[in-house]
Amino acid sequence: MHLCDPPGELRSFALISSNHLSHADADPSSKTIASELDATVAESLSLGTTFLLATTVTQPLCSELSHVIGRKPAYLAALAVFIGGTIVCGCAQSSTVLLIGRTIQGAGAGGPQALSALILTDLFPLRQRARWVSFLNISWAIGTIAGPLIGGAFTENEDIGWRWIFWINLPVLGMSVIGAWLLLGYDKPTESFWCLLAQVDWVGIVLFTASAVSLLLPLSWGGSYFPWRSPEVITPMVFSALGFVMLGAFERWGAKKPMFPPSVFRNYSTNFQFVNTMIHGALMWMVLYYMSVFYLGVKSFTPVITGVWALPATLTVAPMATAVGIMVSRNGRYRCFLLVGWCLTIVAFGVMTLVDESMSDGALISITMILGIAMGILIPAMTMGVQATVDKSDAGHATAMVYVLRSAGQCLGIAIGLSIFSSRLELELENLGQGKDAAQNTMKAIRHSLRAGGLEDIAMLDAVVTSLASVWMIGCIMAGAAGILAICSRCPVLPQDEAESPPEAQPTSAAPDEEKTA
């Protein structure tokens, strides 16, 4: 590691927090912007998915580079890419240029999101790490809360416009660059830059990137742009499966310094938490994305009011994550939080299948609050569940894997939801005697309802509500599967911090399965 002697833990955390704040509120109201640029339905949906896809595939690269060239250079390089993407988005005059800018933004966002957690892993022992990881989520929650409200206010104000959703990030990003430059230490390596780059697992990076893109893209296409059995969907998924097999084989037998060390995956409890991390990311974005479809298309809310209605969920995430992180840091036990969090998630998604245009405001608020509480409980509990079940020497790689899988889950959440929603909507509209293009036209109507006041046809409203209920049902099934994995996982009690040395100097721990469990 090339991270050395930061001038105070608090200032280092402030740096990380400002960076996460800038990333959280940089994800604007894609439907509003696409409507202004007269984008197609496919381009409108791609504004969010391309950002998440780029974030997912670049996180391993940034993490791997930080292990070789140091946290500070990798962090600053990623911020520079993010700033470049923000400028492209702010200057975009077409949906194509905006998509390019969002992709560049996503590539830049992937680094700091993963490196922030890696820096915390470098600085704090395991129990203290639980508390600081929960604090880290406060800045993310603030950005999540402010993003829809600021974006909606800008897009509805013709004197300001949606471009300021991007421009407003530049001062915060500038402060992040200054803070990183001043506060992050750096040990100048003795080897040349090119020698360091030669140590990077480039083969693993290429295999992972190609495999991930080949998996996530067809998942977002299936059932909406192409039939599930079409060659456009099946062929890249087959290549993706082969690519991941090749990646596993190369990391196990071919890589000198593997990007994904096999030792990280040797404990079944760790792998269960990895799967649950992906499911958690999918469910969170499934709710954020498709509840906005309900509020905009069915309830006829404006973007600002839609952001306000998201507050019951977003306002509860940070307090619960902080409270759980503090409790875990004190007693070292987190199993009960995993079980409670997944039980609440199952209940919330199950009740959401009953949501329709006639449901009372109080019921909607209660459901979204339960979801926010559940999501907040699970964030620190699952992170500690991963770090407690790997060897101390693998903590950095395991932390990076958490963020990669969470981002991948976010992509899957939107893609799976889109496939289910569009397929069910097409079926419902066919039963109403509508043509094959009715589903696409309805989704476009939802996008334009930002200015038209929502859908007006009662039968169309019922079709949208029924289609969303199918999305919530799949979410409930996914949460149930995650709950079963949580029950089957072993959860070692976090050791006392006094017994730990800094992560870099820690010897390999005993097998986690031999430790005391909660």
Protein backbone atom coordinates (compact mmCIF):
# COMPACT_ATOMS: atom_id res chain seq x y z
CA MET A 1 0.00 0.00 0.00
CA HIS A 2 1.19 3.50 -0.74
CA LEU A 3 -1.16 5.22 1.67
CA CYS A 4 0.79 6.71 4.54
CA ASP A 5 0.24 8.91 7.58
CA PRO A 6 -2.81 10.95 6.64
CA PRO A 7 -3.03 14.13 8.74
CA GLY A 8 -5.93 12.97 10.89
CA GLU A 9 -8.63 10.36 10.49
CA LEU A 10 -11.41 12.95 10.57
CA ARG A 11 -9.98 14.95 7.67
CA SER A 12 -9.46 11.79 5.63
CA PHE A 13 -13.07 10.83 6.20
CA ALA A 14 -14.23 14.33 5.26
CA LEU A 15 -12.39 13.92 1.96
CA ILE A 16 -14.08 10.60 1.27
CA SER A 17 -17.48 11.99 2.25
CA SER A 18 -17.28 14.95 -0.12
CA ASN A 19 -16.35 12.60 -2.94
CA HIS A 20 -19.35 10.34 -2.31
CA LEU A 21 -21.61 13.35 -2.09
CA SER A 22 -20.54 14.48 -5.55
CA HIS A 23 -21.18 11.04 -6.99
CA ALA A 24 -24.56 10.58 -5.41
CA ASP A 25 -26.16 13.75 -6.70
CA ALA A 26 -24.57 13.39 -10.14
CA ASP A 27 -27.21 10.88 -11.20
CA PRO A 28 -29.95 13.12 -12.58
CA SER A 29 -33.51 12.57 -13.64
CA SER A 30 -32.80 10.67 -16.83
CA LYS A 31 -36.41 10.71 -17.99
CA THR A 32 -36.56 14.51 -17.79
CA ILE A 33 -33.34 15.09 -19.71
CA ALA A 34 -34.20 12.50 -22.34
CA SER A 35 -37.53 14.22 -22.89
CA GLU A 36 -35.81 17.58 -23.41
CA LEU A 37 -33.38 16.06 -25.94
CA ASP A 38 -36.19 14.09 -27.64
CA ALA A 39 -34.37 10.82 -27.03
CA THR A 40 -35.84 7.47 -27.97
CA VAL A 41 -37.16 5.15 -25.27
CA ALA A 42 -34.02 3.02 -25.59
CA GLU A 43 -31.75 6.05 -25.20
CA SER A 44 -33.79 7.28 -22.24
CA LEU A 45 -33.40 3.99 -20.39
CA SER A 46 -29.71 3.79 -21.35
CA LEU A 47 -28.85 7.06 -19.61
CA GLY A 48 -28.97 5.29 -16.26
CA THR A 49 -27.78 1.83 -17.28
CA THR A 50 -24.69 3.04 -19.17
CA PHE A 51 -23.53 4.97 -16.09
CA LEU A 52 -23.97 1.93 -13.84
CA LEU A 53 -22.39 -0.42 -16.38
CA ALA A 54 -19.32 1.79 -16.75
CA THR A 55 -19.07 2.08 -12.96
CA THR A 56 -19.19 -1.70 -12.56
CA VAL A 57 -16.54 -2.57 -15.12
CA THR A 58 -14.06 0.14 -14.04
CA GLN A 59 -14.11 -0.52 -10.29
CA PRO A 60 -11.84 -3.59 -10.48
CA LEU A 61 -9.41 -1.66 -12.70
CA CYS A 62 -9.18 1.24 -10.25
CA SER A 63 -8.84 -1.09 -7.27
CA GLU A 64 -6.14 -3.09 -9.00
CA LEU A 65 -4.22 0.05 -10.00
CA SER A 66 -4.43 1.38 -6.44
CA HIS A 67 -2.80 -1.79 -5.12
CA VAL A 68 0.12 -1.27 -7.51
CA ILE A 69 0.63 2.48 -8.01
CA GLY A 70 -1.00 3.68 -4.78
CA ARG A 71 -4.39 4.90 -3.61
CA LYS A 72 -3.71 8.60 -4.21
CA PRO A 73 -2.78 8.49 -7.93
CA ALA A 74 -5.65 6.11 -8.71
CA TYR A 75 -8.10 8.26 -6.75
CA LEU A 76 -7.07 11.49 -8.46
CA ALA A 77 -7.09 9.89 -11.93
CA ALA A 78 -10.63 8.62 -11.41
CA LEU A 79 -11.81 12.03 -10.22
CA ALA A 80 -10.28 13.62 -13.32
CA VAL A 81 -12.21 11.21 -15.56
CA PHE A 82 -15.41 11.94 -13.66
CA ILE A 83 -14.93 15.68 -14.08
CA GLY A 84 -14.35 15.19 -17.81
CA GLY A 85 -17.58 13.21 -18.13
CA THR A 86 -19.49 15.86 -16.19
CA ILE A 87 -18.31 18.57 -18.59
CA VAL A 88 -19.32 16.48 -21.61
CA CYS A 89 -22.81 15.95 -20.11
CA GLY A 90 -23.23 19.63 -19.34
CA CYS A 91 -22.32 20.60 -22.91
CA ALA A 92 -24.32 17.83 -24.62
CA GLN A 93 -26.62 18.97 -27.43
CA SER A 94 -27.87 15.50 -28.35
CA SER A 95 -28.79 12.28 -26.59
CA THR A 96 -25.82 10.52 -28.19
CA VAL A 97 -23.30 12.96 -26.72
CA LEU A 98 -25.09 12.75 -23.38
CA LEU A 99 -24.79 8.96 -23.42
CA ILE A 100 -21.05 9.29 -24.08
CA GLY A 101 -20.74 11.74 -21.19
CA ARG A 102 -22.69 9.48 -18.84
CA THR A 103 -20.43 6.57 -19.77
CA ILE A 104 -17.32 8.64 -19.02
CA GLN A 105 -18.90 9.76 -15.75
CA GLY A 106 -19.56 6.16 -14.78
CA ALA A 107 -15.99 5.18 -15.57
CA GLY A 108 -14.77 7.97 -13.29
CA ALA A 109 -17.27 7.25 -10.52
CA GLY A 110 -16.25 3.62 -10.19
CA GLY A 111 -12.81 4.44 -8.76
CA PRO A 112 -13.58 6.73 -5.82
CA GLN A 113 -16.58 4.63 -4.77
CA ALA A 114 -14.39 1.56 -4.31
CA LEU A 115 -11.23 3.39 -3.20
CA SER A 116 -13.05 5.24 -0.42
CA ALA A 117 -13.88 1.92 1.22
CA LEU A 118 -10.36 0.63 0.59
CA ILE A 119 -8.90 3.70 2.31
CA LEU A 120 -11.09 3.03 5.34
CA THR A 121 -9.88 -0.58 5.32
CA ASP A 122 -6.30 0.70 5.33
CA LEU A 123 -6.87 3.14 8.19
CA PHE A 124 -9.09 1.35 10.71
CA PRO A 125 -9.20 -2.05 12.44
CA LEU A 126 -12.21 -4.28 11.91
CA ARG A 127 -14.61 -3.11 14.63
CA GLN A 128 -13.89 0.58 14.10
CA ARG A 129 -14.32 -0.04 10.39
CA ALA A 130 -17.97 -0.99 10.97
CA ARG A 131 -18.68 2.45 12.44
CA TRP A 132 -16.79 4.36 9.75
CA VAL A 133 -18.41 2.39 6.92
CA SER A 134 -21.79 3.41 8.30
CA PHE A 135 -20.66 7.06 8.49
CA LEU A 136 -19.55 6.79 4.88
CA ASN A 137 -23.12 6.05 3.86
CA ILE A 138 -24.39 9.32 5.35
CA SER A 139 -22.82 11.32 2.51
CA TRP A 140 -24.24 8.85 -0.01
CA ALA A 141 -27.70 9.24 1.52
CA ILE A 142 -27.46 13.05 1.49
CA GLY A 143 -26.65 12.97 -2.20
CA THR A 144 -29.45 10.50 -2.85
CA ILE A 145 -31.89 12.78 -1.05
CA ALA A 146 -30.68 15.99 -2.68
CA GLY A 147 -30.27 14.57 -6.20
CA PRO A 148 -33.93 14.10 -7.20
CA LEU A 149 -34.96 17.35 -5.51
CA ILE A 150 -32.21 19.46 -7.08
CA GLY A 151 -32.61 17.75 -10.46
CA GLY A 152 -36.37 18.21 -10.44
CA ALA A 153 -36.11 21.85 -9.39
CA PHE A 154 -33.57 22.62 -12.13
CA THR A 155 -35.51 20.87 -14.89
CA GLU A 156 -38.76 22.61 -13.97
CA ASN A 157 -37.10 26.04 -13.88
CA GLU A 158 -36.62 27.21 -17.45
CA ASP A 159 -34.23 29.96 -16.33
CA ILE A 160 -31.84 27.35 -14.92
CA GLY A 161 -32.32 24.16 -16.94
CA TRP A 162 -31.19 20.57 -16.50
CA ARG A 163 -27.58 21.27 -17.49
CA TRP A 164 -26.98 22.74 -14.06
CA ILE A 165 -27.55 19.27 -12.62
CA PHE A 166 -24.06 18.59 -13.96
CA TRP A 167 -22.44 22.01 -13.57
CA ILE A 168 -23.30 22.17 -9.87
CA ASN A 169 -21.09 19.12 -9.29
CA LEU A 170 -17.91 20.81 -10.47
CA PRO A 171 -17.24 22.89 -7.30
CA VAL A 172 -17.74 19.82 -5.10
CA LEU A 173 -15.53 17.73 -7.34
CA GLY A 174 -12.91 20.47 -7.28
CA MET A 175 -12.88 20.41 -3.48
CA SER A 176 -12.55 16.62 -3.61
CA VAL A 177 -9.48 16.91 -5.83
CA ILE A 178 -7.89 19.49 -3.53
CA GLY A 179 -8.71 17.43 -0.46
CA ALA A 180 -7.28 14.26 -1.96
CA TRP A 181 -4.12 16.06 -3.05
CA LEU A 182 -3.53 17.54 0.40
CA LEU A 183 -4.76 14.80 2.73
CA LEU A 184 -3.84 11.50 1.12
CA GLY A 185 -0.26 10.45 1.78
CA TYR A 186 1.86 8.76 -0.84
CA ASP A 187 5.04 6.70 -0.66
CA LYS A 188 6.95 7.21 -3.87
CA PRO A 189 7.66 3.73 -5.24
CA THR A 190 11.21 2.68 -5.96
CA GLU A 191 10.24 1.02 -9.25
CA SER A 192 9.51 2.88 -12.45
CA PHE A 193 5.96 3.64 -13.50
CA TRP A 194 6.10 1.15 -16.38
CA CYS A 195 7.40 -1.60 -14.10
CA LEU A 196 4.45 -0.98 -11.80
CA LEU A 197 1.98 -1.14 -14.68
CA ALA A 198 3.50 -4.46 -15.74
CA GLN A 199 2.43 -5.90 -12.38
CA VAL A 200 -1.25 -5.16 -13.05
CA ASP A 201 -3.42 -8.16 -13.89
CA TRP A 202 -4.32 -6.85 -17.35
CA VAL A 203 -5.53 -10.21 -18.63
CA GLY A 204 -7.92 -10.50 -15.71
CA ILE A 205 -9.17 -6.95 -16.26
CA VAL A 206 -9.86 -7.59 -19.96
CA LEU A 207 -11.62 -10.90 -19.26
CA PHE A 208 -13.77 -9.39 -16.50
CA THR A 209 -14.73 -6.32 -18.55
CA ALA A 210 -15.67 -8.33 -21.63
CA SER A 211 -17.60 -10.90 -19.61
CA ALA A 212 -19.48 -8.33 -17.52
CA VAL A 213 -20.51 -6.27 -20.54
CA SER A 214 -21.57 -9.42 -22.42
CA LEU A 215 -23.79 -10.37 -19.46
CA LEU A 216 -25.35 -7.06 -18.44
CA LEU A 217 -26.19 -5.75 -21.91
CA PRO A 218 -28.30 -8.72 -23.08
CA LEU A 219 -30.05 -8.82 -19.70
CA SER A 220 -31.19 -5.26 -20.34
CA TRP A 221 -32.18 -6.12 -23.94
CA GLY A 222 -34.13 -9.31 -23.27
CA GLY A 223 -37.89 -8.97 -23.35
CA SER A 224 -37.77 -5.27 -24.25
CA TYR A 225 -35.62 -4.78 -27.37
CA PHE A 226 -35.17 -8.43 -28.41
CA PRO A 227 -37.01 -11.65 -27.51
CA TRP A 228 -35.31 -13.67 -24.78
CA ARG A 229 -34.64 -16.53 -27.21
CA SER A 230 -33.18 -14.31 -29.92
CA PRO A 231 -29.50 -14.63 -30.97
CA GLU A 232 -28.92 -11.01 -29.88
CA VAL A 233 -29.59 -12.07 -26.29
CA ILE A 234 -28.40 -15.67 -26.11
CA THR A 235 -25.08 -15.28 -27.98
CA PRO A 236 -23.46 -12.63 -25.75
CA MET A 237 -24.67 -14.45 -22.61
CA VAL A 238 -22.98 -17.65 -23.79
CA PHE A 239 -19.76 -15.74 -24.43
CA SER A 240 -20.13 -14.14 -21.00
CA ALA A 241 -20.35 -17.53 -19.29
CA LEU A 242 -17.26 -18.73 -21.16
CA GLY A 243 -15.45 -15.52 -20.27
CA PHE A 244 -16.12 -15.88 -16.56
CA VAL A 245 -14.92 -19.50 -16.66
CA MET A 246 -11.72 -18.37 -18.36
CA LEU A 247 -11.36 -15.57 -15.80
CA GLY A 248 -11.66 -18.00 -12.89
CA ALA A 249 -9.14 -20.37 -14.42
CA PHE A 250 -6.65 -17.62 -15.17
CA GLU A 251 -6.96 -16.08 -11.69
CA ARG A 252 -6.44 -19.50 -10.13
CA TRP A 253 -3.51 -20.77 -12.20
CA GLY A 254 -2.21 -18.07 -14.53
CA ALA A 255 -2.06 -14.70 -12.75
CA LYS A 256 1.03 -13.79 -10.73
CA LYS A 257 -0.89 -11.13 -8.79
CA PRO A 258 -4.56 -11.98 -9.38
CA MET A 259 -7.11 -9.19 -9.38
CA PHE A 260 -9.58 -11.60 -7.76
CA PRO A 261 -7.49 -13.78 -5.42
CA PRO A 262 -9.04 -17.26 -5.12
CA SER A 263 -8.55 -17.11 -1.34
CA VAL A 264 -11.26 -14.43 -1.15
CA PHE A 265 -13.86 -16.95 -2.36
CA ARG A 266 -12.88 -20.04 -0.39
CA ASN A 267 -15.41 -19.49 2.43
CA TYR A 268 -19.02 -20.29 1.56
CA SER A 269 -20.32 -17.63 3.98
CA THR A 270 -18.30 -14.98 2.18
CA ASN A 271 -19.75 -16.08 -1.14
CA PHE A 272 -23.29 -15.98 0.29
CA GLN A 273 -22.72 -12.38 1.39
CA PHE A 274 -21.32 -11.52 -2.04
CA VAL A 275 -24.51 -12.83 -3.66
CA ASN A 276 -26.65 -10.94 -1.16
CA THR A 277 -24.70 -7.75 -1.82
CA MET A 278 -25.61 -8.03 -5.50
CA ILE A 279 -29.25 -8.71 -4.64
CA HIS A 280 -29.28 -5.73 -2.26
CA GLY A 281 -28.00 -3.41 -5.01
CA ALA A 282 -30.55 -4.79 -7.46
CA LEU A 283 -33.48 -4.31 -5.09
CA MET A 284 -32.43 -0.81 -4.09
CA TRP A 285 -32.28 0.44 -7.66
CA MET A 286 -35.36 -1.51 -8.64
CA VAL A 287 -37.27 0.50 -6.02
CA LEU A 288 -35.71 3.88 -6.86
CA TYR A 289 -36.21 3.47 -10.60
CA TYR A 290 -39.63 1.87 -10.85
CA MET A 291 -41.28 3.73 -8.00
CA SER A 292 -40.50 6.87 -10.01
CA VAL A 293 -42.38 5.27 -12.93
CA PHE A 294 -45.36 4.84 -10.58
CA TYR A 295 -45.24 8.39 -9.24
CA LEU A 296 -44.69 10.01 -12.64
CA GLY A 297 -46.92 7.89 -14.83
CA VAL A 298 -49.68 6.76 -12.46
CA LYS A 299 -49.85 9.43 -9.75
CA SER A 300 -49.04 12.24 -12.23
CA PHE A 301 -46.47 13.82 -9.92
CA THR A 302 -43.86 16.33 -11.08
CA PRO A 303 -40.15 15.46 -10.79
CA VAL A 304 -39.80 17.59 -7.63
CA ILE A 305 -42.79 15.95 -5.94
CA THR A 306 -41.47 12.55 -7.00
CA GLY A 307 -38.21 13.39 -5.23
CA VAL A 308 -40.16 14.43 -2.13
CA TRP A 309 -42.03 11.12 -2.12
CA ALA A 310 -38.69 9.29 -2.17
CA LEU A 311 -37.70 10.96 1.11
CA PRO A 312 -39.34 8.38 3.43
CA ALA A 313 -36.96 5.78 1.99
CA THR A 314 -33.82 7.89 1.55
CA LEU A 315 -34.12 9.68 4.91
CA THR A 316 -34.21 6.39 6.82
CA VAL A 317 -31.26 4.68 5.12
CA ALA A 318 -28.46 6.76 6.67
CA PRO A 319 -29.74 6.78 10.30
CA MET A 320 -30.28 3.02 10.26
CA ALA A 321 -26.90 2.34 8.63
CA THR A 322 -25.20 4.57 11.20
CA ALA A 323 -27.02 3.03 14.17
CA VAL A 324 -26.30 -0.53 13.02
CA GLY A 325 -22.65 0.30 12.32
CA ILE A 326 -22.19 1.72 15.82
CA MET A 327 -23.87 -1.29 17.45
CA VAL A 328 -21.77 -3.74 15.41
CA SER A 329 -18.58 -1.86 16.34
CA ARG A 330 -19.49 -2.17 20.04
CA ASN A 331 -20.51 -5.82 20.34
CA GLY A 332 -19.11 -7.31 17.13
CA ARG A 333 -22.35 -9.13 16.27
CA TYR A 334 -24.26 -8.57 13.06
CA ARG A 335 -26.17 -11.78 12.28
CA CYS A 336 -29.41 -10.52 13.81
CA PHE A 337 -29.26 -7.39 11.64
CA LEU A 338 -28.90 -9.50 8.50
CA LEU A 339 -31.99 -11.53 9.39
CA VAL A 340 -34.08 -8.53 10.42
CA GLY A 341 -33.07 -6.55 7.34
CA TRP A 342 -34.01 -9.28 4.90
CA CYS A 343 -37.28 -10.05 6.70
CA LEU A 344 -38.31 -6.40 6.45
CA THR A 345 -37.33 -6.35 2.78
CA ILE A 346 -39.49 -9.40 2.04
CA VAL A 347 -42.46 -7.83 3.84
CA ALA A 348 -42.04 -4.47 2.07
CA PHE A 349 -41.84 -5.96 -1.43
CA GLY A 350 -44.74 -8.26 -0.69
CA VAL A 351 -46.93 -5.33 0.35
CA MET A 352 -45.78 -3.32 -2.68
CA THR A 353 -47.52 -5.83 -4.95
CA LEU A 354 -50.77 -4.31 -3.63
CA VAL A 355 -49.82 -0.73 -4.55
CA ASP A 356 -52.18 0.97 -6.98
CA GLU A 357 -53.42 4.47 -7.78
CA SER A 358 -56.03 4.33 -5.01
CA MET A 359 -53.64 3.46 -2.16
CA SER A 360 -53.58 6.08 0.59
CA ASP A 361 -50.64 8.42 1.09
CA GLY A 362 -50.02 7.05 4.57
CA ALA A 363 -49.71 3.49 3.26
CA LEU A 364 -47.26 4.53 0.55
CA ILE A 365 -45.14 6.43 3.07
CA SER A 366 -45.12 3.48 5.46
CA ILE A 367 -44.02 1.03 2.75
CA THR A 368 -41.17 3.23 1.55
CA MET A 369 -40.03 3.85 5.14
CA ILE A 370 -39.86 0.11 5.80
CA LEU A 371 -37.78 -0.31 2.66
CA GLY A 372 -35.41 2.47 3.70
CA ILE A 373 -35.00 0.96 7.16
CA ALA A 374 -34.30 -2.49 5.70
CA MET A 375 -31.79 -1.20 3.14
CA GLY A 376 -30.00 0.84 5.82
CA ILE A 377 -29.73 -2.11 8.21
CA LEU A 378 -28.23 -4.35 5.56
CA ILE A 379 -25.51 -2.02 4.24
CA PRO A 380 -23.07 -2.21 7.19
CA ALA A 381 -24.17 -5.69 8.23
CA MET A 382 -23.35 -7.25 4.86
CA THR A 383 -20.08 -5.33 4.52
CA MET A 384 -18.93 -6.60 7.91
CA GLY A 385 -20.22 -10.05 7.02
CA VAL A 386 -17.78 -10.12 4.12
CA GLN A 387 -14.79 -8.64 5.95
CA ALA A 388 -15.24 -10.89 8.99
CA THR A 389 -15.17 -14.08 6.92
CA VAL A 390 -12.00 -13.47 4.89
CA ASP A 391 -8.38 -13.52 5.92
CA LYS A 392 -7.09 -10.13 7.08
CA SER A 393 -4.64 -10.08 4.17
CA ASP A 394 -7.58 -10.30 1.74
CA ALA A 395 -9.66 -7.53 3.34
CA GLY A 396 -8.82 -4.99 0.65
CA HIS A 397 -9.71 -7.28 -2.24
CA ALA A 398 -12.90 -8.39 -0.50
CA THR A 399 -13.94 -4.76 0.08
CA ALA A 400 -13.39 -3.94 -3.59
CA MET A 401 -15.46 -6.98 -4.53
CA VAL A 402 -18.37 -5.72 -2.42
CA TYR A 403 -18.53 -2.51 -4.42
CA VAL A 404 -18.15 -4.28 -7.76
CA LEU A 405 -21.01 -6.64 -6.96
CA ARG A 406 -23.20 -3.86 -5.58
CA SER A 407 -22.76 -1.89 -8.80
CA ALA A 408 -23.41 -5.01 -10.87
CA GLY A 409 -26.55 -5.57 -8.82
CA GLN A 410 -27.73 -2.05 -9.59
CA CYS A 411 -27.38 -2.77 -13.31
CA LEU A 412 -29.25 -6.04 -12.88
CA GLY A 413 -32.00 -4.37 -10.88
CA ILE A 414 -32.82 -1.95 -13.68
CA ALA A 415 -32.36 -4.60 -16.39
CA ILE A 416 -34.45 -7.27 -14.68
CA GLY A 417 -37.13 -4.75 -13.79
CA LEU A 418 -37.23 -3.45 -17.36
CA SER A 419 -37.56 -6.93 -18.82
CA ILE A 420 -40.35 -7.89 -16.43
CA PHE A 421 -42.18 -4.58 -16.70
CA SER A 422 -42.07 -4.34 -20.48
CA SER A 423 -42.97 -8.00 -21.03
CA ARG A 424 -45.92 -7.86 -18.66
CA LEU A 425 -47.03 -4.49 -20.02
CA GLU A 426 -47.00 -5.83 -23.58
CA LEU A 427 -49.12 -8.79 -22.48
CA GLU A 428 -51.61 -6.57 -20.64
CA LEU A 429 -51.97 -4.23 -23.59
CA GLU A 430 -52.44 -7.10 -26.03
CA ASN A 431 -55.32 -8.29 -23.83
CA LEU A 432 -56.79 -4.81 -24.26
CA GLY A 433 -56.58 -5.14 -28.02
CA GLN A 434 -53.53 -2.91 -28.40
CA GLY A 435 -50.85 -3.52 -31.02
CA LYS A 436 -47.32 -4.80 -30.48
CA ASP A 437 -45.92 -1.26 -30.27
CA ALA A 438 -48.33 -0.24 -27.50
CA ALA A 439 -45.86 -1.04 -24.70
CA GLN A 440 -43.14 1.15 -26.22
CA ASN A 441 -45.64 3.95 -26.78
CA THR A 442 -46.82 3.70 -23.18
CA MET A 443 -43.28 3.88 -21.82
CA LYS A 444 -42.68 6.92 -24.00
CA ALA A 445 -45.91 8.43 -22.66
CA ILE A 446 -44.65 7.94 -19.11
CA ARG A 447 -41.45 9.75 -20.06
CA HIS A 448 -43.37 12.64 -21.60
CA SER A 449 -45.82 12.72 -18.69
CA LEU A 450 -43.26 14.92 -16.98
CA ARG A 451 -44.90 17.73 -18.92
CA ALA A 452 -48.24 16.19 -19.96
CA GLY A 453 -49.50 15.30 -16.47
CA GLY A 454 -49.35 11.50 -16.44
CA LEU A 455 -51.31 8.83 -18.22
CA GLU A 456 -55.02 9.51 -18.68
CA ASP A 457 -56.46 6.21 -19.97
CA ILE A 458 -57.81 4.19 -17.01
CA ALA A 459 -57.14 0.86 -18.69
CA MET A 460 -53.59 1.99 -19.43
CA LEU A 461 -53.10 2.95 -15.79
CA ASP A 462 -54.27 -0.47 -14.66
CA ALA A 463 -51.89 -2.13 -17.12
CA VAL A 464 -48.94 -0.12 -15.76
CA VAL A 465 -49.88 -0.87 -12.13
CA THR A 466 -50.23 -4.60 -12.88
CA SER A 467 -46.87 -4.62 -14.66
CA LEU A 468 -45.20 -2.91 -11.71
CA ALA A 469 -46.75 -5.48 -9.36
CA SER A 470 -44.90 -8.17 -11.31
CA VAL A 471 -41.64 -6.28 -10.72
CA TRP A 472 -42.33 -6.11 -6.98
CA MET A 473 -43.18 -9.82 -6.87
CA ILE A 474 -39.83 -10.73 -8.44
CA GLY A 475 -38.16 -8.41 -5.91
CA CYS A 476 -39.92 -10.25 -3.09
CA ILE A 477 -38.66 -13.59 -4.42
CA MET A 478 -35.12 -12.26 -4.69
CA ALA A 479 -35.28 -10.94 -1.11
CA GLY A 480 -36.55 -14.34 0.06
CA ALA A 481 -33.59 -16.07 -1.60
CA ALA A 482 -31.21 -13.62 0.07
CA GLY A 483 -32.86 -14.29 3.43
CA ILE A 484 -32.27 -18.03 3.03
CA LEU A 485 -28.60 -17.42 2.23
CA ALA A 486 -28.31 -15.18 5.31
CA ILE A 487 -29.76 -17.92 7.50
CA CYS A 488 -27.28 -20.44 6.08
CA SER A 489 -24.27 -18.12 6.56
CA ARG A 490 -21.88 -18.34 9.49
CA CYS A 491 -21.26 -14.94 11.08
CA PRO A 492 -18.04 -14.77 13.12
CA VAL A 493 -18.04 -12.23 15.95
CA LEU A 494 -15.72 -9.34 15.12
CA PRO A 495 -12.54 -9.51 17.25
CA GLN A 496 -11.63 -6.75 19.67
CA ASP A 497 -9.63 -3.97 18.02
CA GLU A 498 -6.90 -4.11 20.67
CA ALA A 499 -5.89 -7.50 19.32
CA GLU A 500 -5.49 -6.24 15.78
CA SER A 501 -2.58 -4.69 13.97
CA PRO A 502 -2.93 -2.46 10.92
CA PRO A 503 -4.21 -4.32 7.87
CA GLU A 504 -0.88 -4.17 6.02
CA ALA A 505 0.97 -5.86 8.86
CA GLN A 506 -1.65 -8.38 9.86
CA PRO A 507 -0.72 -12.03 9.53
CA THR A 508 -3.11 -14.37 7.83
CA SER A 509 -5.91 -15.18 10.24
CA ALA A 510 -7.25 -18.54 11.12
CA ALA A 511 -9.96 -19.90 8.94
CA PRO A 512 -13.08 -17.87 9.66
CA ASP A 513 -15.19 -21.02 10.05
CA GLU A 514 -13.17 -21.85 13.17
CA GLU A 515 -14.00 -18.55 14.85
CA LYS A 516 -16.83 -17.95 17.28
CA THR A 517 -20.09 -17.15 15.55
CA ALA A 518 -22.91 -14.89 16.61
